[in-house]
PDB file of N, CA and C in Angstrom:
ATOM      1  N   UNK A   1     -85.324 136.809  85.524  1.00  0.00           N
ATOM      2  CA  UNK A   1     -86.705 137.037  85.215  1.00  0.00           C
ATOM      3  C   UNK A   1     -87.486 135.756  85.535  1.00  0.00           C
ATOM      4  N   UNK A   2     -88.614 135.928  86.237  1.00  0.00           N
ATOM      5  CA  UNK A   2     -89.382 134.752  86.585  1.00  0.00           C
ATOM      6  C   UNK A   2     -90.552 134.619  85.632  1.00  0.00           C
ATOM      7  N   UNK A   3     -90.828 133.408  85.287  1.00  0.00           N
ATOM      8  CA  UNK A   3     -91.920 133.125  84.362  1.00  0.00           C
ATOM      9  C   UNK A   3     -92.998 132.368  85.143  1.00  0.00           C
ATOM     10  N   UNK A   4     -94.214 132.862  85.058  1.00  0.00           N
ATOM     11  CA  UNK A   4     -95.332 132.214  85.718  1.00  0.00           C
ATOM     12  C   UNK A   4     -96.080 131.413  84.671  1.00  0.00           C
ATOM     13  N   UNK A   5     -96.206 130.132  84.945  1.00  0.00           N
ATOM     14  CA  UNK A   5     -96.882 129.262  83.990  1.00  0.00           C
ATOM     15  C   UNK A   5     -98.350 129.156  84.392  1.00  0.00           C
ATOM     16  N   UNK A   6     -99.213 129.573  83.501  1.00  0.00           N
ATOM     17  CA  UNK A   6    -100.655 129.473  83.720  1.00  0.00           C
ATOM     18  C   UNK A   6    -101.137 128.279  82.928  1.00  0.00           C
ATOM     19  N   UNK A   7    -101.659 127.301  83.661  1.00  0.00           N
ATOM     20  CA  UNK A   7    -102.145 126.103  82.996  1.00  0.00           C
ATOM     21  C   UNK A   7    -103.665 126.065  83.079  1.00  0.00           C
ATOM     22  N   UNK A   8    -104.237 125.171  82.341  1.00  0.00           N
ATOM     23  CA  UNK A   8    -105.684 125.010  82.341  1.00  0.00           C
ATOM     24  C   UNK A   8    -106.180 124.570  83.716  1.00  0.00           C
ATOM     25  N   UNK A   9    -105.418 123.749  84.409  1.00  0.00           N
ATOM     26  CA  UNK A   9    -105.810 123.290  85.737  1.00  0.00           C
ATOM     27  C   UNK A   9    -105.880 124.425  86.740  1.00  0.00           C
ATOM     28  N   UNK A  10    -104.918 125.336  86.722  1.00  0.00           N
ATOM     29  CA  UNK A  10    -104.937 126.451  87.664  1.00  0.00           C
ATOM     30  C   UNK A  10    -106.086 127.402  87.365  1.00  0.00           C
ATOM     31  N   UNK A  11    -106.416 127.588  86.104  1.00  0.00           N
ATOM     32  CA  UNK A  11    -107.550 128.454  85.738  1.00  0.00           C
ATOM     33  C   UNK A  11    -108.855 127.825  86.219  1.00  0.00           C
ATOM     34  N   UNK A  12    -108.991 126.505  86.101  1.00  0.00           N
ATOM     35  CA  UNK A  12    -110.193 125.821  86.571  1.00  0.00           C
ATOM     36  C   UNK A  12    -110.325 125.918  88.089  1.00  0.00           C
ATOM     37  N   UNK A  13    -109.213 125.799  88.821  1.00  0.00           N
ATOM     38  CA  UNK A  13    -109.266 125.914  90.284  1.00  0.00           C
ATOM     39  C   UNK A  13    -109.699 127.309  90.703  1.00  0.00           C
ATOM     40  N   UNK A  14    -109.166 128.318  90.055  1.00  0.00           N
ATOM     41  CA  UNK A  14    -109.563 129.697  90.382  1.00  0.00           C
ATOM     42  C   UNK A  14    -111.027 129.915  90.029  1.00  0.00           C
ATOM     43  N   UNK A  15    -111.473 129.408  88.898  1.00  0.00           N
ATOM     44  CA  UNK A  15    -112.878 129.538  88.503  1.00  0.00           C
ATOM     45  C   UNK A  15    -113.805 128.834  89.478  1.00  0.00           C
ATOM     46  N   UNK A  16    -113.424 127.639  89.927  1.00  0.00           N
ATOM     47  CA  UNK A  16    -114.246 126.915  90.897  1.00  0.00           C
ATOM     48  C   UNK A  16    -114.295 127.672  92.221  1.00  0.00           C
ATOM     49  N   UNK A  17    -113.193 128.288  92.619  1.00  0.00           N
ATOM     50  CA  UNK A  17    -113.174 129.074  93.843  1.00  0.00           C
ATOM     51  C   UNK A  17    -114.082 130.287  93.747  1.00  0.00           C
ATOM     52  N   UNK A  18    -114.086 130.947  92.612  1.00  0.00           N
ATOM     53  CA  UNK A  18    -114.960 132.111  92.427  1.00  0.00           C
ATOM     54  C   UNK A  18    -116.428 131.685  92.450  1.00  0.00           C
ATOM     55  N   UNK A  19    -116.755 130.570  91.813  1.00  0.00           N
ATOM     56  CA  UNK A  19    -118.132 130.079  91.805  1.00  0.00           C
ATOM     57  C   UNK A  19    -118.570 129.723  93.235  1.00  0.00           C
ATOM     58  N   UNK A  20    -117.716 129.055  93.995  1.00  0.00           N
ATOM     59  CA  UNK A  20    -118.057 128.713  95.381  1.00  0.00           C
ATOM     60  C   UNK A  20    -118.243 129.966  96.226  1.00  0.00           C
ATOM     61  N   UNK A  21    -117.415 130.983  96.003  1.00  0.00           N
ATOM     62  CA  UNK A  21    -117.545 132.225  96.750  1.00  0.00           C
ATOM     63  C   UNK A  21    -118.883 132.893  96.461  1.00  0.00           C
ATOM     64  N   UNK A  22    -119.295 132.918  95.207  1.00  0.00           N
ATOM     65  CA  UNK A  22    -120.577 133.539  94.842  1.00  0.00           C
ATOM     66  C   UNK A  22    -121.739 132.759  95.448  1.00  0.00           C
ATOM     67  N   UNK A  23    -121.674 131.446  95.409  1.00  0.00           N
ATOM     68  CA  UNK A  23    -122.744 130.628  95.978  1.00  0.00           C
ATOM     69  C   UNK A  23    -122.846 130.860  97.489  1.00  0.00           C
ATOM     70  N   UNK A  24    -121.718 130.835  98.192  1.00  0.00           N
ATOM     71  CA  UNK A  24    -121.740 131.077  99.636  1.00  0.00           C
ATOM     72  C   UNK A  24    -122.238 132.480  99.961  1.00  0.00           C
ATOM     73  N   UNK A  25    -121.842 133.462  99.181  1.00  0.00           N
ATOM     74  CA  UNK A  25    -122.306 134.838  99.384  1.00  0.00           C
ATOM     75  C   UNK A  25    -123.828 134.919  99.253  1.00  0.00           C
ATOM     76  N   UNK A  26    -124.375 134.317  98.212  1.00  0.00           N
ATOM     77  CA  UNK A  26    -125.826 134.384  97.991  1.00  0.00           C
ATOM     78  C   UNK A  26    -126.591 133.628  99.077  1.00  0.00           C
ATOM     79  N   UNK A  27    -126.089 132.488  99.511  1.00  0.00           N
ATOM     80  CA  UNK A  27    -126.743 131.732 100.591  1.00  0.00           C
ATOM     81  C   UNK A  27    -126.713 132.543 101.880  1.00  0.00           C
ATOM     82  N   UNK A  28    -125.594 133.161 102.189  1.00  0.00           N
ATOM     83  CA  UNK A  28    -125.480 133.977 103.396  1.00  0.00           C
ATOM     84  C   UNK A  28    -126.416 135.165 103.368  1.00  0.00           C
ATOM     85  N   UNK A  29    -126.491 135.869 102.247  1.00  0.00           N
ATOM     86  CA  UNK A  29    -127.398 137.010 102.123  1.00  0.00           C
ATOM     87  C   UNK A  29    -128.847 136.537 102.237  1.00  0.00           C
ATOM     88  N   UNK A  30    -129.176 135.391 101.650  1.00  0.00           N
ATOM     89  CA  UNK A  30    -130.532 134.855 101.752  1.00  0.00           C
ATOM     90  C   UNK A  30    -130.899 134.519 103.196  1.00  0.00           C
ATOM     91  N   UNK A  31    -129.960 133.960 103.955  1.00  0.00           N
ATOM     92  CA  UNK A  31    -130.229 133.645 105.358  1.00  0.00           C
ATOM     93  C   UNK A  31    -130.423 134.918 106.176  1.00  0.00           C
ATOM     94  N   UNK A  32    -129.604 135.938 105.936  1.00  0.00           N
ATOM     95  CA  UNK A  32    -129.778 137.204 106.654  1.00  0.00           C
ATOM     96  C   UNK A  32    -131.109 137.854 106.323  1.00  0.00           C
ATOM     97  N   UNK A  33    -131.542 137.777 105.085  1.00  0.00           N
ATOM     98  CA  UNK A  33    -132.846 138.338 104.716  1.00  0.00           C
ATOM     99  C   UNK A  33    -133.984 137.571 105.372  1.00  0.00           C
ATOM    100  N   UNK A  34    -133.818 136.269 105.545  1.00  0.00           N
ATOM    101  CA  UNK A  34    -134.857 135.476 106.207  1.00  0.00           C
ATOM    102  C   UNK A  34    -135.008 135.888 107.667  1.00  0.00           C
ATOM    103  N   UNK A  35    -133.908 136.284 108.312  1.00  0.00           N
ATOM    104  CA  UNK A  35    -133.985 136.738 109.696  1.00  0.00           C
ATOM    105  C   UNK A  35    -134.668 138.088 109.818  1.00  0.00           C
ATOM    106  N   UNK A  36    -134.595 138.903 108.800  1.00  0.00           N
ATOM    107  CA  UNK A  36    -135.125 140.263 108.897  1.00  0.00           C
ATOM    108  C   UNK A  36    -136.553 140.400 108.383  1.00  0.00           C
ATOM    109  N   UNK A  37    -137.164 139.346 107.903  1.00  0.00           N
ATOM    110  CA  UNK A  37    -138.545 139.461 107.442  1.00  0.00           C
ATOM    111  C   UNK A  37    -139.458 139.639 108.647  1.00  0.00           C
ATOM    112  N   UNK A  38    -140.437 140.529 108.561  1.00  0.00           N
ATOM    113  CA  UNK A  38    -141.314 140.764 109.715  1.00  0.00           C
ATOM    114  C   UNK A  38    -142.257 139.590 109.953  1.00  0.00           C
ATOM    115  N   UNK A  39    -142.706 139.470 111.187  1.00  0.00           N
ATOM    116  CA  UNK A  39    -143.659 138.422 111.536  1.00  0.00           C
ATOM    117  C   UNK A  39    -145.010 138.720 110.917  1.00  0.00           C
ATOM    118  N   UNK A  40    -145.807 137.699 110.635  1.00  0.00           N
ATOM    119  CA  UNK A  40    -147.137 137.965 110.087  1.00  0.00           C
ATOM    120  C   UNK A  40    -147.993 138.687 111.118  1.00  0.00           C
ATOM    121  N   UNK A  41    -148.964 139.465 110.665  1.00  0.00           N
ATOM    122  CA  UNK A  41    -149.796 140.193 111.624  1.00  0.00           C
ATOM    123  C   UNK A  41    -150.638 139.227 112.453  1.00  0.00           C
ATOM    124  N   UNK A  42    -150.950 139.597 113.693  1.00  0.00           N
ATOM    125  CA  UNK A  42    -151.762 138.718 114.526  1.00  0.00           C
ATOM    126  C   UNK A  42    -153.192 138.648 114.003  1.00  0.00           C
ATOM    127  N   UNK A  43    -153.923 137.596 114.348  1.00  0.00           N
ATOM    128  CA  UNK A  43    -155.309 137.489 113.883  1.00  0.00           C
ATOM    129  C   UNK A  43    -156.156 138.597 114.502  1.00  0.00           C
ATOM    130  N   UNK A  44    -157.288 138.913 113.903  1.00  0.00           N
ATOM    131  CA  UNK A  44    -158.161 139.940 114.468  1.00  0.00           C
ATOM    132  C   UNK A  44    -158.550 139.596 115.909  1.00  0.00           C
ATOM    133  N   UNK A  45    -158.809 140.635 116.697  1.00  0.00           N
ATOM    134  CA  UNK A  45    -159.042 140.447 118.131  1.00  0.00           C
ATOM    135  C   UNK A  45    -160.275 139.598 118.420  1.00  0.00           C
ATOM    136  N   UNK A  46    -161.284 139.609 117.573  1.00  0.00           N
ATOM    137  CA  UNK A  46    -162.508 138.870 117.848  1.00  0.00           C
ATOM    138  C   UNK A  46    -162.424 137.386 117.568  1.00  0.00           C
ATOM    139  N   UNK A  47    -161.391 136.917 116.904  1.00  0.00           N
ATOM    140  CA  UNK A  47    -161.335 135.510 116.504  1.00  0.00           C
ATOM    141  C   UNK A  47    -160.774 134.583 117.583  1.00  0.00           C
ATOM    142  N   UNK A  48    -159.823 135.047 118.356  1.00  0.00           N
ATOM    143  CA  UNK A  48    -159.221 134.199 119.383  1.00  0.00           C
ATOM    144  C   UNK A  48    -159.578 134.745 120.763  1.00  0.00           C
ATOM    145  N   UNK A  49    -159.792 133.834 121.713  1.00  0.00           N
ATOM    146  CA  UNK A  49    -160.131 134.227 123.084  1.00  0.00           C
ATOM    147  C   UNK A  49    -159.054 133.723 124.022  1.00  0.00           C
ATOM    148  N   UNK A  50    -158.846 134.485 125.076  1.00  0.00           N
ATOM    149  CA  UNK A  50    -157.891 134.051 126.103  1.00  0.00           C
ATOM    150  C   UNK A  50    -158.566 133.029 127.016  1.00  0.00           C
ATOM    151  N   UNK A  51    -157.912 131.893 127.157  1.00  0.00           N
ATOM    152  CA  UNK A  51    -158.394 130.847 128.061  1.00  0.00           C
ATOM    153  C   UNK A  51    -157.206 130.360 128.891  1.00  0.00           C
ATOM    154  N   UNK A  52    -157.482 129.693 129.962  1.00  0.00           N
ATOM    155  CA  UNK A  52    -156.435 129.090 130.784  1.00  0.00           C
ATOM    156  C   UNK A  52    -156.890 127.673 131.131  1.00  0.00           C
ATOM    157  N   UNK A  53    -156.602 126.751 130.236  1.00  0.00           N
ATOM    158  CA  UNK A  53    -157.024 125.360 130.405  1.00  0.00           C
ATOM    159  C   UNK A  53    -155.771 124.493 130.370  1.00  0.00           C
ATOM    160  N   UNK A  54    -155.697 123.561 131.304  1.00  0.00           N
ATOM    161  CA  UNK A  54    -154.560 122.643 131.347  1.00  0.00           C
ATOM    162  C   UNK A  54    -155.046 121.226 131.067  1.00  0.00           C
ATOM    163  N   UNK A  55    -154.253 120.502 130.288  1.00  0.00           N
ATOM    164  CA  UNK A  55    -154.577 119.121 129.922  1.00  0.00           C
ATOM    165  C   UNK A  55    -153.428 118.217 130.326  1.00  0.00           C
ATOM    166  N   UNK A  56    -153.740 116.947 130.530  1.00  0.00           N
ATOM    167  CA  UNK A  56    -152.732 115.929 130.815  1.00  0.00           C
ATOM    168  C   UNK A  56    -153.064 114.681 130.016  1.00  0.00           C
ATOM    169  N   UNK A  57    -152.045 114.069 129.442  1.00  0.00           N
ATOM    170  CA  UNK A  57    -152.218 112.817 128.702  1.00  0.00           C
ATOM    171  C   UNK A  57    -152.337 111.684 129.717  1.00  0.00           C
ATOM    172  N   UNK A  58    -153.381 110.880 129.590  1.00  0.00           N
ATOM    173  CA  UNK A  58    -153.594 109.770 130.505  1.00  0.00           C
ATOM    174  C   UNK A  58    -152.648 108.611 130.273  1.00  0.00           C
ATOM    175  N   UNK A  59    -151.987 108.567 129.115  1.00  0.00           N
ATOM    176  CA  UNK A  59    -151.106 107.450 128.799  1.00  0.00           C
ATOM    177  C   UNK A  59    -149.670 107.724 129.259  1.00  0.00           C
ATOM    178  N   UNK A  60    -149.112 108.894 128.841  1.00  0.00           N
ATOM    179  CA  UNK A  60    -147.702 109.154 129.121  1.00  0.00           C
ATOM    180  C   UNK A  60    -147.478 110.261 130.139  1.00  0.00           C
ATOM    181  N   UNK A  61    -148.504 111.048 130.478  1.00  0.00           N
ATOM    182  CA  UNK A  61    -148.359 112.076 131.496  1.00  0.00           C
ATOM    183  C   UNK A  61    -147.912 113.439 131.006  1.00  0.00           C
ATOM    184  N   UNK A  62    -147.847 113.650 129.707  1.00  0.00           N
ATOM    185  CA  UNK A  62    -147.461 114.954 129.171  1.00  0.00           C
ATOM    186  C   UNK A  62    -148.530 115.980 129.537  1.00  0.00           C
ATOM    187  N   UNK A  63    -148.088 117.160 129.999  1.00  0.00           N
ATOM    188  CA  UNK A  63    -149.015 118.225 130.357  1.00  0.00           C
ATOM    189  C   UNK A  63    -148.946 119.339 129.336  1.00  0.00           C
ATOM    190  N   UNK A  64    -150.095 120.008 129.116  1.00  0.00           N
ATOM    191  CA  UNK A  64    -150.213 121.055 128.108  1.00  0.00           C
ATOM    192  C   UNK A  64    -151.064 122.167 128.675  1.00  0.00           C
ATOM    193  N   UNK A  65    -150.660 123.423 128.451  1.00  0.00           N
ATOM    194  CA  UNK A  65    -151.457 124.575 128.872  1.00  0.00           C
ATOM    195  C   UNK A  65    -151.920 125.316 127.631  1.00  0.00           C
ATOM    196  N   UNK A  66    -153.211 125.529 127.522  1.00  0.00           N
ATOM    197  CA  UNK A  66    -153.807 126.217 126.384  1.00  0.00           C
ATOM    198  C   UNK A  66    -154.153 127.628 126.825  1.00  0.00           C
ATOM    199  N   UNK A  67    -153.649 128.642 126.098  1.00  0.00           N
ATOM    200  CA  UNK A  67    -153.884 130.028 126.488  1.00  0.00           C
ATOM    201  C   UNK A  67    -154.783 130.770 125.516  1.00  0.00           C
ATOM    202  N   UNK A  68    -154.851 130.359 124.256  1.00  0.00           N
ATOM    203  CA  UNK A  68    -155.716 130.989 123.261  1.00  0.00           C
ATOM    204  C   UNK A  68    -156.530 129.927 122.551  1.00  0.00           C
ATOM    205  N   UNK A  69    -157.795 130.206 122.344  1.00  0.00           N
ATOM    206  CA  UNK A  69    -158.665 129.256 121.652  1.00  0.00           C
ATOM    207  C   UNK A  69    -159.769 130.026 120.938  1.00  0.00           C
ATOM    208  N   UNK A  70    -160.363 129.437 119.914  1.00  0.00           N
ATOM    209  CA  UNK A  70    -161.436 130.132 119.196  1.00  0.00           C
ATOM    210  C   UNK A  70    -162.726 130.225 120.010  1.00  0.00           C
ATOM    211  N   UNK A  71    -162.910 129.397 121.024  1.00  0.00           N
ATOM    212  CA  UNK A  71    -164.089 129.498 121.883  1.00  0.00           C
ATOM    213  C   UNK A  71    -163.661 129.293 123.337  1.00  0.00           C
ATOM    214  N   UNK A  72    -164.564 129.535 124.280  1.00  0.00           N
ATOM    215  CA  UNK A  72    -164.185 129.476 125.689  1.00  0.00           C
ATOM    216  C   UNK A  72    -164.059 128.059 126.223  1.00  0.00           C
ATOM    217  N   UNK A  73    -164.699 127.097 125.584  1.00  0.00           N
ATOM    218  CA  UNK A  73    -164.619 125.701 126.007  1.00  0.00           C
ATOM    219  C   UNK A  73    -164.083 124.875 124.845  1.00  0.00           C
ATOM    220  N   UNK A  74    -162.749 124.895 124.601  1.00  0.00           N
ATOM    221  CA  UNK A  74    -162.202 124.183 123.437  1.00  0.00           C
ATOM    222  C   UNK A  74    -162.232 122.677 123.653  1.00  0.00           C
ATOM    223  N   UNK A  75    -162.338 121.921 122.574  1.00  0.00           N
ATOM    224  CA  UNK A  75    -162.280 120.456 122.708  1.00  0.00           C
ATOM    225  C   UNK A  75    -160.865 120.032 123.102  1.00  0.00           C
ATOM    226  N   UNK A  76    -160.721 118.961 123.854  1.00  0.00           N
ATOM    227  CA  UNK A  76    -159.382 118.542 124.285  1.00  0.00           C
ATOM    228  C   UNK A  76    -158.551 118.042 123.104  1.00  0.00           C
ATOM    229  N   UNK A  77    -157.251 118.361 123.112  1.00  0.00           N
ATOM    230  CA  UNK A  77    -156.382 117.847 122.042  1.00  0.00           C
ATOM    231  C   UNK A  77    -156.106 116.360 122.251  1.00  0.00           C
ATOM    232  N   UNK A  78    -155.530 115.743 121.231  1.00  0.00           N
ATOM    233  CA  UNK A  78    -155.202 114.319 121.317  1.00  0.00           C
ATOM    234  C   UNK A  78    -153.694 114.156 121.451  1.00  0.00           C
ATOM    235  N   UNK A  79    -153.293 113.206 122.294  1.00  0.00           N
ATOM    236  CA  UNK A  79    -151.898 112.836 122.450  1.00  0.00           C
ATOM    237  C   UNK A  79    -151.865 111.338 122.694  1.00  0.00           C
ATOM    238  N   UNK A  80    -150.941 110.652 122.134  1.00  0.00           N
ATOM    239  CA  UNK A  80    -150.854 109.186 122.214  1.00  0.00           C
ATOM    240  C   UNK A  80    -152.143 108.554 121.672  1.00  0.00           C
ATOM    241  N   UNK A  81    -152.743 109.191 120.691  1.00  0.00           N
ATOM    242  CA  UNK A  81    -153.951 108.747 120.004  1.00  0.00           C
ATOM    243  C   UNK A  81    -155.180 108.716 120.912  1.00  0.00           C
ATOM    244  N   UNK A  82    -155.146 109.400 122.061  1.00  0.00           N
ATOM    245  CA  UNK A  82    -156.294 109.502 122.958  1.00  0.00           C
ATOM    246  C   UNK A  82    -156.484 110.957 123.344  1.00  0.00           C
ATOM    247  N   UNK A  83    -157.725 111.320 123.695  1.00  0.00           N
ATOM    248  CA  UNK A  83    -157.984 112.692 124.123  1.00  0.00           C
ATOM    249  C   UNK A  83    -157.346 112.937 125.481  1.00  0.00           C
ATOM    250  N   UNK A  84    -156.822 114.154 125.667  1.00  0.00           N
ATOM    251  CA  UNK A  84    -156.181 114.511 126.930  1.00  0.00           C
ATOM    252  C   UNK A  84    -157.248 114.842 127.970  1.00  0.00           C
ATOM    253  N   UNK A  85    -156.878 114.736 129.248  1.00  0.00           N
ATOM    254  CA  UNK A  85    -157.785 114.947 130.366  1.00  0.00           C
ATOM    255  C   UNK A  85    -157.594 116.368 130.887  1.00  0.00           C
ATOM    256  N   UNK A  86    -158.693 117.083 131.169  1.00  0.00           N
ATOM    257  CA  UNK A  86    -158.606 118.425 131.716  1.00  0.00           C
ATOM    258  C   UNK A  86    -158.193 118.322 133.183  1.00  0.00           C
ATOM    259  N   UNK A  87    -157.178 119.093 133.575  1.00  0.00           N
ATOM    260  CA  UNK A  87    -156.723 119.113 134.964  1.00  0.00           C
ATOM    261  C   UNK A  87    -156.971 120.480 135.563  1.00  0.00           C
ATOM    262  N   UNK A  88    -157.133 120.556 136.864  1.00  0.00           N
ATOM    263  CA  UNK A  88    -157.371 121.825 137.561  1.00  0.00           C
ATOM    264  C   UNK A  88    -156.051 122.562 137.736  1.00  0.00           C
ATOM    265  N   UNK A  89    -156.055 123.884 137.525  1.00  0.00           N
ATOM    266  CA  UNK A  89    -154.823 124.646 137.763  1.00  0.00           C
ATOM    267  C   UNK A  89    -154.479 124.667 139.256  1.00  0.00           C
ATOM    268  N   UNK A  90    -153.204 124.647 139.592  1.00  0.00           N
ATOM    269  CA  UNK A  90    -152.779 124.598 140.980  1.00  0.00           C
ATOM    270  C   UNK A  90    -152.867 125.960 141.665  1.00  0.00           C
ATOM    271  N   UNK A  91    -152.465 127.018 140.983  1.00  0.00           N
ATOM    272  CA  UNK A  91    -152.334 128.318 141.637  1.00  0.00           C
ATOM    273  C   UNK A  91    -153.179 129.373 140.950  1.00  0.00           C
ATOM    274  N   UNK A  92    -154.457 129.185 140.787  1.00  0.00           N
ATOM    275  CA  UNK A  92    -155.315 130.212 140.161  1.00  0.00           C
ATOM    276  C   UNK A  92    -156.357 130.715 141.102  1.00  0.00           C
TER     277      UNK A  92
END
């Protein structure tokens, strides 16, 4: 006949394993729910306008294309703490 000795240490290890399993399960379910949340609705059609403006930073040369803006002539964004320069599109 075999006797299984249950000690306080083995009970604590099993309890810690169960707690870790529950925590991992809840984190995993929370991450899956975050993936399935719908995107926020788009802004009303009258608020944003389609534009095609390209900018270039005069300091580092980074280029940016702006496709939506609240008005047809948006102010230039800032990069490297200076306003970007409007550039002409190549293929329009």
